[in-house]
Amino acid sequence: MEDIQGNTMSVEDISSALATYTKCVNFAAIKHRNQRRLDSDKTPYINHPIGVAYILTAEGGVTDFEVIQAAILHDTVEDTDTTLDEIEQNFGLAVRGLVEEVTDDKSLPKAERKRLQIEHASGTTPKAKLVKLADKIYNLRDLQRCKPEGWSDERCREYFAWAKKVCDNLKGTNREMEDILDQIFEQENVI
């Protein structure tokens, strides 16, 4: 078997990669086990990080294993009792760094966290930008599919406008995902 660059992969390499990926998904599933999305179906939260990883691979053409792991883990520190040290112990320093880059500081007020996402987006590493792009695609599609419980139409419009500002600062990272986002913003008349 060959990897995406055409390099021959041994059975051991494939086995190791699958074991690490499965460990990552299992870790996130355990951490998010009691969480639900805000949609009317109360979708299990774990669907979100798995979906973000899927967008990266299937739609963004991303094959970087650290990016895929970070996508699966991207909300564990922000939304569970997971620590960055725990991420590093289980998945290494590089994955820890990516998760840290995409993690909001929950001790800050929500408005400040949102402002900082816009401000910091352009300065994040290309790998972290990939995770952010896929995360925004997933969240915006989810918002198009159904309005979260307790959200007004105005709040939805504000989310789209805010997300566009973040995504504008991620441009030049992945044409495929940026085109998807442009289509979403066009559908929602967000300029």
N, C-alpha and C. Protein backbone atom coordinates (compact mmCIF):
# COMPACT_ATOMS: atom_id res chain seq x y z
N MET A 1 0.85 -1.18 0.00
CA MET A 1 0.00 0.00 0.00
C MET A 1 0.89 1.24 0.00
N GLU A 2 0.37 2.34 -0.63
CA GLU A 2 1.11 3.59 -0.69
C GLU A 2 0.36 4.68 0.05
N ASP A 3 1.14 5.65 0.60
CA ASP A 3 0.51 6.82 1.20
C ASP A 3 0.18 7.81 0.09
N ILE A 4 -0.34 8.95 0.43
CA ILE A 4 -0.81 9.92 -0.54
C ILE A 4 0.33 10.46 -1.43
N GLN A 5 1.57 10.45 -0.93
CA GLN A 5 2.70 10.92 -1.71
C GLN A 5 3.30 9.80 -2.57
N GLY A 6 2.74 8.62 -2.53
CA GLY A 6 3.23 7.51 -3.33
C GLY A 6 4.31 6.69 -2.66
N ASN A 7 4.60 6.98 -1.40
CA ASN A 7 5.58 6.21 -0.65
C ASN A 7 4.96 4.90 -0.19
N THR A 8 5.73 3.84 -0.27
CA THR A 8 5.24 2.55 0.16
C THR A 8 5.12 2.53 1.68
N MET A 9 3.97 2.09 2.16
CA MET A 9 3.73 1.97 3.60
C MET A 9 3.74 0.49 3.97
N SER A 10 4.43 0.19 5.03
CA SER A 10 4.46 -1.19 5.49
C SER A 10 3.17 -1.51 6.23
N VAL A 11 2.92 -2.77 6.41
CA VAL A 11 1.76 -3.22 7.18
C VAL A 11 1.84 -2.66 8.59
N GLU A 12 3.04 -2.60 9.14
CA GLU A 12 3.24 -2.06 10.49
C GLU A 12 2.89 -0.58 10.54
N ASP A 13 3.29 0.19 9.48
CA ASP A 13 2.96 1.62 9.43
C ASP A 13 1.45 1.83 9.38
N ILE A 14 0.80 1.04 8.55
CA ILE A 14 -0.66 1.15 8.42
C ILE A 14 -1.33 0.79 9.73
N SER A 15 -0.88 -0.29 10.33
CA SER A 15 -1.45 -0.74 11.60
C SER A 15 -1.26 0.31 12.69
N SER A 16 -0.07 0.89 12.74
CA SER A 16 0.22 1.92 13.75
C SER A 16 -0.66 3.15 13.54
N ALA A 17 -0.81 3.58 12.28
CA ALA A 17 -1.63 4.75 11.98
C ALA A 17 -3.09 4.50 12.36
N LEU A 18 -3.60 3.32 12.03
CA LEU A 18 -4.98 2.99 12.38
C LEU A 18 -5.17 2.93 13.90
N ALA A 19 -4.20 2.38 14.60
CA ALA A 19 -4.30 2.30 16.06
C ALA A 19 -4.30 3.70 16.67
N THR A 20 -3.45 4.58 16.16
CA THR A 20 -3.39 5.95 16.68
C THR A 20 -4.68 6.70 16.38
N TYR A 21 -5.18 6.55 15.15
CA TYR A 21 -6.42 7.22 14.79
C TYR A 21 -7.58 6.73 15.65
N THR A 22 -7.67 5.42 15.82
CA THR A 22 -8.74 4.85 16.63
C THR A 22 -8.62 5.30 18.08
N LYS A 23 -7.40 5.37 18.59
CA LYS A 23 -7.17 5.87 19.95
C LYS A 23 -7.66 7.31 20.08
N CYS A 24 -7.40 8.10 19.07
CA CYS A 24 -7.80 9.50 19.06
C CYS A 24 -9.33 9.63 19.08
N VAL A 25 -10.00 8.90 18.21
CA VAL A 25 -11.47 8.94 18.16
C VAL A 25 -12.06 8.43 19.47
N ASN A 26 -11.52 7.37 20.00
CA ASN A 26 -12.00 6.83 21.27
C ASN A 26 -11.83 7.83 22.41
N PHE A 27 -10.65 8.47 22.45
CA PHE A 27 -10.36 9.48 23.47
C PHE A 27 -11.41 10.59 23.42
N ALA A 28 -11.65 11.12 22.21
CA ALA A 28 -12.62 12.20 22.06
C ALA A 28 -14.03 11.73 22.40
N ALA A 29 -14.37 10.52 22.01
CA ALA A 29 -15.71 9.98 22.31
C ALA A 29 -15.94 9.87 23.81
N ILE A 30 -14.94 9.41 24.53
CA ILE A 30 -15.05 9.31 25.99
C ILE A 30 -15.19 10.71 26.60
N LYS A 31 -14.38 11.64 26.15
CA LYS A 31 -14.42 13.00 26.71
C LYS A 31 -15.74 13.71 26.42
N HIS A 32 -16.32 13.47 25.25
CA HIS A 32 -17.56 14.15 24.85
C HIS A 32 -18.81 13.31 25.11
N ARG A 33 -18.66 12.18 25.82
CA ARG A 33 -19.74 11.19 25.92
C ARG A 33 -21.06 11.72 26.44
N ASN A 34 -21.06 12.71 27.30
CA ASN A 34 -22.31 13.21 27.86
C ASN A 34 -22.77 14.51 27.21
N GLN A 35 -22.11 14.92 26.14
CA GLN A 35 -22.44 16.19 25.50
C GLN A 35 -23.31 15.98 24.26
N ARG A 36 -24.14 16.96 24.01
CA ARG A 36 -25.03 16.96 22.84
C ARG A 36 -24.89 18.30 22.13
N ARG A 37 -25.13 18.29 20.84
CA ARG A 37 -25.19 19.53 20.07
C ARG A 37 -26.47 20.26 20.46
N LEU A 38 -26.57 21.53 20.06
CA LEU A 38 -27.72 22.34 20.43
C LEU A 38 -28.90 22.19 19.48
N ASP A 39 -28.80 21.31 18.49
CA ASP A 39 -29.89 21.15 17.54
C ASP A 39 -31.08 20.45 18.18
N SER A 40 -32.21 20.49 17.50
CA SER A 40 -33.43 19.90 18.05
C SER A 40 -33.32 18.38 18.21
N ASP A 41 -32.45 17.75 17.45
CA ASP A 41 -32.24 16.29 17.55
C ASP A 41 -31.33 15.92 18.71
N LYS A 42 -30.70 16.92 19.32
CA LYS A 42 -29.73 16.66 20.40
C LYS A 42 -28.66 15.66 19.93
N THR A 43 -28.11 15.93 18.77
CA THR A 43 -27.11 15.07 18.16
C THR A 43 -25.94 14.85 19.12
N PRO A 44 -25.44 13.62 19.23
CA PRO A 44 -24.26 13.39 20.07
C PRO A 44 -23.11 14.30 19.63
N TYR A 45 -22.46 14.94 20.57
CA TYR A 45 -21.43 15.92 20.25
C TYR A 45 -20.28 15.33 19.44
N ILE A 46 -19.95 14.07 19.67
CA ILE A 46 -18.81 13.44 19.00
C ILE A 46 -18.97 13.47 17.49
N ASN A 47 -20.21 13.56 16.99
CA ASN A 47 -20.42 13.67 15.55
C ASN A 47 -19.69 14.88 14.98
N HIS A 48 -19.60 15.96 15.78
CA HIS A 48 -18.97 17.19 15.30
C HIS A 48 -17.48 17.00 15.00
N PRO A 49 -16.64 16.59 15.95
CA PRO A 49 -15.22 16.45 15.61
C PRO A 49 -14.94 15.40 14.54
N ILE A 50 -15.72 14.33 14.54
CA ILE A 50 -15.56 13.33 13.48
C ILE A 50 -15.93 13.96 12.13
N GLY A 51 -16.98 14.75 12.11
CA GLY A 51 -17.39 15.44 10.88
C GLY A 51 -16.35 16.44 10.40
N VAL A 52 -15.72 17.13 11.34
CA VAL A 52 -14.66 18.08 10.97
C VAL A 52 -13.49 17.34 10.32
N ALA A 53 -13.11 16.21 10.89
CA ALA A 53 -12.03 15.41 10.30
C ALA A 53 -12.43 14.90 8.92
N TYR A 54 -13.69 14.52 8.77
CA TYR A 54 -14.17 14.04 7.48
C TYR A 54 -14.13 15.14 6.42
N ILE A 55 -14.53 16.34 6.78
CA ILE A 55 -14.47 17.48 5.85
C ILE A 55 -13.03 17.70 5.41
N LEU A 56 -12.10 17.65 6.34
CA LEU A 56 -10.69 17.83 6.00
C LEU A 56 -10.23 16.82 4.96
N THR A 57 -10.54 15.55 5.19
CA THR A 57 -10.03 14.50 4.31
C THR A 57 -10.83 14.40 3.01
N ALA A 58 -12.14 14.38 3.09
CA ALA A 58 -12.98 14.13 1.92
C ALA A 58 -13.18 15.35 1.04
N GLU A 59 -13.24 16.52 1.65
CA GLU A 59 -13.53 17.72 0.87
C GLU A 59 -12.33 18.65 0.73
N GLY A 60 -11.46 18.64 1.73
CA GLY A 60 -10.28 19.50 1.69
C GLY A 60 -9.04 18.80 1.15
N GLY A 61 -9.11 17.48 0.98
CA GLY A 61 -7.96 16.74 0.48
C GLY A 61 -6.78 16.72 1.44
N VAL A 62 -7.04 16.94 2.71
CA VAL A 62 -5.98 17.00 3.71
C VAL A 62 -5.60 15.58 4.13
N THR A 63 -4.31 15.29 4.13
CA THR A 63 -3.82 13.97 4.51
C THR A 63 -2.85 14.03 5.69
N ASP A 64 -2.58 15.22 6.19
CA ASP A 64 -1.64 15.37 7.31
C ASP A 64 -2.26 14.74 8.56
N PHE A 65 -1.59 13.70 9.06
CA PHE A 65 -2.14 12.93 10.18
C PHE A 65 -2.29 13.76 11.45
N GLU A 66 -1.36 14.68 11.72
CA GLU A 66 -1.47 15.53 12.91
C GLU A 66 -2.68 16.45 12.81
N VAL A 67 -2.96 16.96 11.62
CA VAL A 67 -4.13 17.82 11.42
C VAL A 67 -5.41 17.04 11.67
N ILE A 68 -5.47 15.81 11.17
CA ILE A 68 -6.66 14.98 11.36
C ILE A 68 -6.86 14.67 12.84
N GLN A 69 -5.77 14.35 13.54
CA GLN A 69 -5.88 14.10 14.98
C GLN A 69 -6.36 15.36 15.71
N ALA A 70 -5.79 16.52 15.35
CA ALA A 70 -6.19 17.77 16.00
C ALA A 70 -7.67 18.07 15.74
N ALA A 71 -8.15 17.72 14.55
CA ALA A 71 -9.58 17.93 14.25
C ALA A 71 -10.44 17.10 15.19
N ILE A 72 -10.08 15.85 15.38
CA ILE A 72 -10.85 14.98 16.27
C ILE A 72 -10.82 15.51 17.70
N LEU A 73 -9.70 16.09 18.11
CA LEU A 73 -9.50 16.54 19.49
C LEU A 73 -9.77 18.02 19.71
N HIS A 74 -10.16 18.76 18.67
CA HIS A 74 -10.13 20.22 18.73
C HIS A 74 -10.99 20.84 19.82
N ASP A 75 -12.03 20.19 20.27
CA ASP A 75 -12.88 20.77 21.32
C ASP A 75 -12.70 20.12 22.69
N THR A 76 -11.81 19.17 22.81
CA THR A 76 -11.70 18.45 24.09
C THR A 76 -11.21 19.35 25.21
N VAL A 77 -10.22 20.20 24.95
CA VAL A 77 -9.70 21.07 26.02
C VAL A 77 -10.69 22.18 26.32
N GLU A 78 -11.30 22.71 25.28
CA GLU A 78 -12.24 23.82 25.44
C GLU A 78 -13.54 23.39 26.12
N ASP A 79 -14.02 22.19 25.82
CA ASP A 79 -15.37 21.81 26.24
C ASP A 79 -15.45 20.64 27.21
N THR A 80 -14.30 20.10 27.63
CA THR A 80 -14.32 19.00 28.60
C THR A 80 -13.24 19.26 29.65
N ASP A 81 -13.01 18.28 30.50
CA ASP A 81 -11.98 18.43 31.54
C ASP A 81 -10.59 18.06 31.05
N THR A 82 -10.41 17.88 29.76
CA THR A 82 -9.13 17.51 29.18
C THR A 82 -8.13 18.66 29.32
N THR A 83 -6.88 18.31 29.60
CA THR A 83 -5.82 19.31 29.67
C THR A 83 -4.91 19.18 28.45
N LEU A 84 -4.18 20.24 28.17
CA LEU A 84 -3.20 20.18 27.08
C LEU A 84 -2.11 19.17 27.38
N ASP A 85 -1.74 19.04 28.65
CA ASP A 85 -0.74 18.02 29.02
C ASP A 85 -1.24 16.62 28.68
N GLU A 86 -2.52 16.39 28.90
CA GLU A 86 -3.12 15.10 28.58
C GLU A 86 -3.08 14.83 27.07
N ILE A 87 -3.36 15.87 26.29
CA ILE A 87 -3.27 15.73 24.83
C ILE A 87 -1.83 15.37 24.44
N GLU A 88 -0.87 16.08 25.01
CA GLU A 88 0.53 15.83 24.69
C GLU A 88 0.96 14.42 25.09
N GLN A 89 0.56 13.98 26.28
CA GLN A 89 0.92 12.63 26.74
C GLN A 89 0.40 11.56 25.81
N ASN A 90 -0.80 11.74 25.31
CA ASN A 90 -1.44 10.72 24.49
C ASN A 90 -1.15 10.83 22.99
N PHE A 91 -0.90 12.07 22.51
CA PHE A 91 -0.82 12.27 21.06
C PHE A 91 0.39 13.09 20.60
N GLY A 92 1.23 13.51 21.54
CA GLY A 92 2.46 14.18 21.16
C GLY A 92 2.38 15.70 21.18
N LEU A 93 3.55 16.30 21.13
CA LEU A 93 3.70 17.75 21.23
C LEU A 93 3.08 18.49 20.04
N ALA A 94 3.25 17.96 18.84
CA ALA A 94 2.72 18.64 17.65
C ALA A 94 1.19 18.72 17.69
N VAL A 95 0.54 17.62 18.05
CA VAL A 95 -0.92 17.62 18.13
C VAL A 95 -1.37 18.55 19.26
N ARG A 96 -0.66 18.52 20.37
CA ARG A 96 -0.98 19.44 21.47
C ARG A 96 -0.95 20.88 20.97
N GLY A 97 0.11 21.23 20.24
CA GLY A 97 0.25 22.59 19.74
C GLY A 97 -0.91 23.01 18.84
N LEU A 98 -1.35 22.11 17.98
CA LEU A 98 -2.48 22.42 17.10
C LEU A 98 -3.76 22.58 17.89
N VAL A 99 -4.00 21.68 18.82
CA VAL A 99 -5.21 21.78 19.66
C VAL A 99 -5.18 23.09 20.44
N GLU A 100 -4.03 23.44 20.96
CA GLU A 100 -3.90 24.69 21.72
C GLU A 100 -4.22 25.90 20.85
N GLU A 101 -3.76 25.88 19.60
CA GLU A 101 -4.01 27.00 18.69
C GLU A 101 -5.48 27.22 18.40
N VAL A 102 -6.26 26.14 18.37
CA VAL A 102 -7.68 26.28 18.01
C VAL A 102 -8.60 26.29 19.23
N THR A 103 -8.03 26.33 20.41
CA THR A 103 -8.81 26.32 21.65
C THR A 103 -9.03 27.73 22.17
N ASP A 104 -10.28 28.08 22.40
CA ASP A 104 -10.62 29.38 23.01
C ASP A 104 -10.38 29.32 24.51
N ASP A 105 -10.05 30.46 25.08
CA ASP A 105 -9.89 30.59 26.52
C ASP A 105 -11.28 30.84 27.12
N LYS A 106 -11.86 29.79 27.71
CA LYS A 106 -13.23 29.87 28.24
C LYS A 106 -13.36 30.78 29.46
N SER A 107 -12.22 31.23 30.01
CA SER A 107 -12.31 32.15 31.15
C SER A 107 -12.65 33.57 30.68
N LEU A 108 -12.55 33.82 29.38
CA LEU A 108 -12.88 35.13 28.83
C LEU A 108 -14.37 35.20 28.48
N PRO A 109 -14.93 36.40 28.50
CA PRO A 109 -16.33 36.54 28.06
C PRO A 109 -16.48 36.12 26.60
N LYS A 110 -17.66 35.64 26.26
CA LYS A 110 -17.91 35.11 24.91
C LYS A 110 -17.58 36.14 23.83
N ALA A 111 -17.98 37.37 24.01
CA ALA A 111 -17.72 38.40 23.00
C ALA A 111 -16.22 38.58 22.79
N GLU A 112 -15.45 38.52 23.84
CA GLU A 112 -13.99 38.65 23.73
C GLU A 112 -13.39 37.44 23.02
N ARG A 113 -13.89 36.26 23.31
CA ARG A 113 -13.40 35.05 22.63
C ARG A 113 -13.66 35.14 21.13
N LYS A 114 -14.84 35.63 20.78
CA LYS A 114 -15.18 35.75 19.36
C LYS A 114 -14.30 36.81 18.69
N ARG A 115 -14.06 37.90 19.37
CA ARG A 115 -13.19 38.96 18.82
C ARG A 115 -11.78 38.42 18.60
N LEU A 116 -11.29 37.67 19.57
CA LEU A 116 -9.95 37.11 19.46
C LEU A 116 -9.83 36.07 18.35
N GLN A 117 -10.89 35.32 18.10
CA GLN A 117 -10.85 34.37 16.99
C GLN A 117 -10.63 35.10 15.67
N ILE A 118 -11.33 36.22 15.49
CA ILE A 118 -11.14 37.02 14.27
C ILE A 118 -9.71 37.54 14.22
N GLU A 119 -9.28 38.12 15.31
CA GLU A 119 -7.96 38.76 15.37
C GLU A 119 -6.82 37.76 15.18
N HIS A 120 -6.90 36.60 15.79
CA HIS A 120 -5.81 35.63 15.77
C HIS A 120 -5.81 34.70 14.55
N ALA A 121 -6.91 34.65 13.81
CA ALA A 121 -7.02 33.69 12.71
C ALA A 121 -5.88 33.80 11.71
N SER A 122 -5.54 35.02 11.32
CA SER A 122 -4.50 35.17 10.29
C SER A 122 -3.12 34.77 10.79
N GLY A 123 -2.90 34.79 12.08
CA GLY A 123 -1.59 34.47 12.64
C GLY A 123 -1.40 33.03 13.05
N THR A 124 -2.41 32.20 12.88
CA THR A 124 -2.26 30.79 13.25
C THR A 124 -1.48 30.05 12.17
N THR A 125 -0.96 28.90 12.54
CA THR A 125 -0.18 28.11 11.60
C THR A 125 -1.10 27.56 10.50
N PRO A 126 -0.52 27.23 9.35
CA PRO A 126 -1.35 26.66 8.27
C PRO A 126 -2.12 25.41 8.70
N LYS A 127 -1.52 24.57 9.52
CA LYS A 127 -2.21 23.36 9.98
C LYS A 127 -3.41 23.70 10.85
N ALA A 128 -3.26 24.66 11.75
CA ALA A 128 -4.37 25.08 12.60
C ALA A 128 -5.46 25.74 11.77
N LYS A 129 -5.07 26.48 10.74
CA LYS A 129 -6.05 27.11 9.85
C LYS A 129 -6.92 26.06 9.17
N LEU A 130 -6.32 24.93 8.80
CA LEU A 130 -7.09 23.86 8.17
C LEU A 130 -8.19 23.37 9.11
N VAL A 131 -7.85 23.16 10.37
CA VAL A 131 -8.83 22.70 11.35
C VAL A 131 -9.93 23.75 11.50
N LYS A 132 -9.55 25.01 11.58
CA LYS A 132 -10.54 26.08 11.75
C LYS A 132 -11.48 26.16 10.55
N LEU A 133 -10.93 26.04 9.34
CA LEU A 133 -11.78 26.09 8.15
C LEU A 133 -12.81 24.96 8.17
N ALA A 134 -12.36 23.74 8.43
CA ALA A 134 -13.28 22.60 8.46
C ALA A 134 -14.30 22.74 9.58
N ASP A 135 -13.87 23.26 10.72
CA ASP A 135 -14.78 23.48 11.85
C ASP A 135 -15.88 24.48 11.47
N LYS A 136 -15.49 25.55 10.80
CA LYS A 136 -16.49 26.55 10.39
C LYS A 136 -17.44 25.95 9.37
N ILE A 137 -16.93 25.16 8.41
CA ILE A 137 -17.82 24.53 7.44
C ILE A 137 -18.85 23.67 8.16
N TYR A 138 -18.39 22.84 9.08
CA TYR A 138 -19.30 21.95 9.80
C TYR A 138 -20.37 22.77 10.55
N ASN A 139 -19.92 23.78 11.30
CA ASN A 139 -20.85 24.56 12.11
C ASN A 139 -21.85 25.33 11.25
N LEU A 140 -21.38 25.90 10.14
CA LEU A 140 -22.28 26.67 9.28
C LEU A 140 -23.28 25.77 8.58
N ARG A 141 -22.84 24.61 8.13
CA ARG A 141 -23.79 23.66 7.54
C ARG A 141 -24.82 23.21 8.57
N ASP A 142 -24.36 22.99 9.78
CA ASP A 142 -25.28 22.60 10.85
C ASP A 142 -26.31 23.69 11.09
N LEU A 143 -25.86 24.93 11.07
CA LEU A 143 -26.75 26.06 11.27
C LEU A 143 -27.75 26.20 10.11
N GLN A 144 -27.29 25.89 8.90
CA GLN A 144 -28.21 25.89 7.76
C GLN A 144 -29.24 24.77 7.88
N ARG A 145 -28.82 23.64 8.41
CA ARG A 145 -29.70 22.47 8.54
C ARG A 145 -30.81 22.72 9.55
N CYS A 146 -30.44 23.26 10.70
CA CYS A 146 -31.47 23.57 11.70
C CYS A 146 -30.91 24.57 12.72
N LYS A 147 -31.78 25.47 13.10
CA LYS A 147 -31.42 26.50 14.07
C LYS A 147 -31.29 25.86 15.45
N PRO A 148 -30.20 26.17 16.17
CA PRO A 148 -30.06 25.62 17.53
C PRO A 148 -31.19 26.09 18.43
N GLU A 149 -31.53 25.25 19.37
CA GLU A 149 -32.59 25.61 20.32
C GLU A 149 -32.22 26.90 21.04
N GLY A 150 -33.19 27.81 21.09
CA GLY A 150 -32.98 29.08 21.78
C GLY A 150 -32.33 30.16 20.92
N TRP A 151 -31.99 29.85 19.69
CA TRP A 151 -31.37 30.85 18.81
C TRP A 151 -32.45 31.54 17.97
N SER A 152 -32.36 32.86 17.90
CA SER A 152 -33.25 33.64 17.03
C SER A 152 -32.64 33.69 15.63
N ASP A 153 -33.46 34.12 14.67
CA ASP A 153 -32.94 34.30 13.31
C ASP A 153 -31.81 35.32 13.32
N GLU A 154 -31.95 36.35 14.12
CA GLU A 154 -30.90 37.38 14.22
C GLU A 154 -29.59 36.80 14.74
N ARG A 155 -29.67 35.98 15.75
CA ARG A 155 -28.45 35.36 16.28
C ARG A 155 -27.78 34.49 15.21
N CYS A 156 -28.56 33.78 14.43
CA CYS A 156 -28.01 32.97 13.33
C CYS A 156 -27.30 33.87 12.32
N ARG A 157 -27.95 34.97 11.93
CA ARG A 157 -27.32 35.91 10.98
C ARG A 157 -26.02 36.46 11.54
N GLU A 158 -26.02 36.78 12.83
CA GLU A 158 -24.80 37.30 13.48
C GLU A 158 -23.69 36.26 13.47
N TYR A 159 -24.04 34.99 13.66
CA TYR A 159 -23.04 33.93 13.64
C TYR A 159 -22.42 33.82 12.25
N PHE A 160 -23.25 33.84 11.21
CA PHE A 160 -22.72 33.78 9.85
C PHE A 160 -21.78 34.95 9.57
N ALA A 161 -22.19 36.16 9.97
CA ALA A 161 -21.36 37.35 9.73
C ALA A 161 -20.03 37.25 10.48
N TRP A 162 -20.09 36.80 11.74
CA TRP A 162 -18.86 36.62 12.53
C TRP A 162 -17.97 35.55 11.90
N ALA A 163 -18.55 34.42 11.51
CA ALA A 163 -17.77 33.33 10.93
C ALA A 163 -17.07 33.78 9.65
N LYS A 164 -17.74 34.62 8.86
CA LYS A 164 -17.11 35.12 7.64
C LYS A 164 -15.87 35.94 7.97
N LYS A 165 -15.94 36.75 9.00
CA LYS A 165 -14.77 37.55 9.40
C LYS A 165 -13.61 36.65 9.80
N VAL A 166 -13.90 35.58 10.53
CA VAL A 166 -12.85 34.62 10.89
C VAL A 166 -12.29 33.99 9.63
N CYS A 167 -13.16 33.50 8.78
CA CYS A 167 -12.73 32.78 7.56
C CYS A 167 -11.97 33.68 6.60
N ASP A 168 -12.34 34.96 6.53
CA ASP A 168 -11.59 35.89 5.67
C ASP A 168 -10.12 35.95 6.10
N ASN A 169 -9.87 35.77 7.38
CA ASN A 169 -8.50 35.80 7.90
C ASN A 169 -7.79 34.45 7.81
N LEU A 170 -8.46 33.46 7.23
CA LEU A 170 -7.86 32.14 7.02
C LEU A 170 -7.58 31.88 5.53
N LYS A 171 -7.89 32.86 4.70
CA LYS A 171 -7.76 32.69 3.25
C LYS A 171 -6.33 32.37 2.84
N GLY A 172 -6.24 31.60 1.74
CA GLY A 172 -4.94 31.21 1.23
C GLY A 172 -4.43 29.92 1.83
N THR A 173 -5.31 29.21 2.50
CA THR A 173 -4.92 27.98 3.20
C THR A 173 -5.30 26.73 2.42
N ASN A 174 -6.56 26.66 1.98
CA ASN A 174 -7.05 25.47 1.28
C ASN A 174 -8.18 25.91 0.36
N ARG A 175 -7.91 25.95 -0.94
CA ARG A 175 -8.86 26.45 -1.93
C ARG A 175 -10.19 25.70 -1.89
N GLU A 176 -10.14 24.38 -1.77
CA GLU A 176 -11.38 23.59 -1.77
C GLU A 176 -12.30 24.00 -0.63
N MET A 177 -11.77 24.09 0.57
CA MET A 177 -12.61 24.45 1.71
C MET A 177 -13.02 25.92 1.66
N GLU A 178 -12.15 26.77 1.16
CA GLU A 178 -12.50 28.18 1.03
C GLU A 178 -13.63 28.37 0.02
N ASP A 179 -13.62 27.60 -1.06
CA ASP A 179 -14.72 27.66 -2.03
C ASP A 179 -16.04 27.22 -1.41
N ILE A 180 -15.98 26.17 -0.59
CA ILE A 180 -17.20 25.71 0.11
C ILE A 180 -17.74 26.83 0.99
N LEU A 181 -16.86 27.47 1.74
CA LEU A 181 -17.28 28.56 2.62
C LEU A 181 -17.85 29.73 1.82
N ASP A 182 -17.20 30.07 0.70
CA ASP A 182 -17.73 31.15 -0.14
C ASP A 182 -19.15 30.83 -0.61
N GLN A 183 -19.40 29.58 -0.97
CA GLN A 183 -20.74 29.17 -1.40
C GLN A 183 -21.74 29.30 -0.25
N ILE A 184 -21.33 28.89 0.94
CA ILE A 184 -22.22 29.00 2.11
C ILE A 184 -22.55 30.46 2.38
N PHE A 185 -21.53 31.32 2.38
CA PHE A 185 -21.77 32.74 2.65
C PHE A 185 -22.63 33.38 1.57
N GLU A 186 -22.45 32.95 0.32
CA GLU A 186 -23.27 33.45 -0.77
C GLU A 186 -24.73 33.01 -0.58
N GLN A 187 -24.95 31.76 -0.22
CA GLN A 187 -26.31 31.26 0.03
C GLN A 187 -27.01 32.06 1.13
N GLU A 188 -26.22 32.47 2.12
CA GLU A 188 -26.79 33.19 3.27
C GLU A 188 -26.72 34.70 3.11
N ASN A 189 -26.31 35.16 1.91
CA ASN A 189 -26.18 36.59 1.63
C ASN A 189 -25.29 37.32 2.63
N VAL A 190 -24.18 36.68 2.99
CA VAL A 190 -23.22 37.30 3.89
C VAL A 190 -22.07 37.81 3.04
N ILE A 191 -21.90 39.10 3.04
CA ILE A 191 -20.86 39.71 2.19
C ILE A 191 -19.73 40.26 3.04
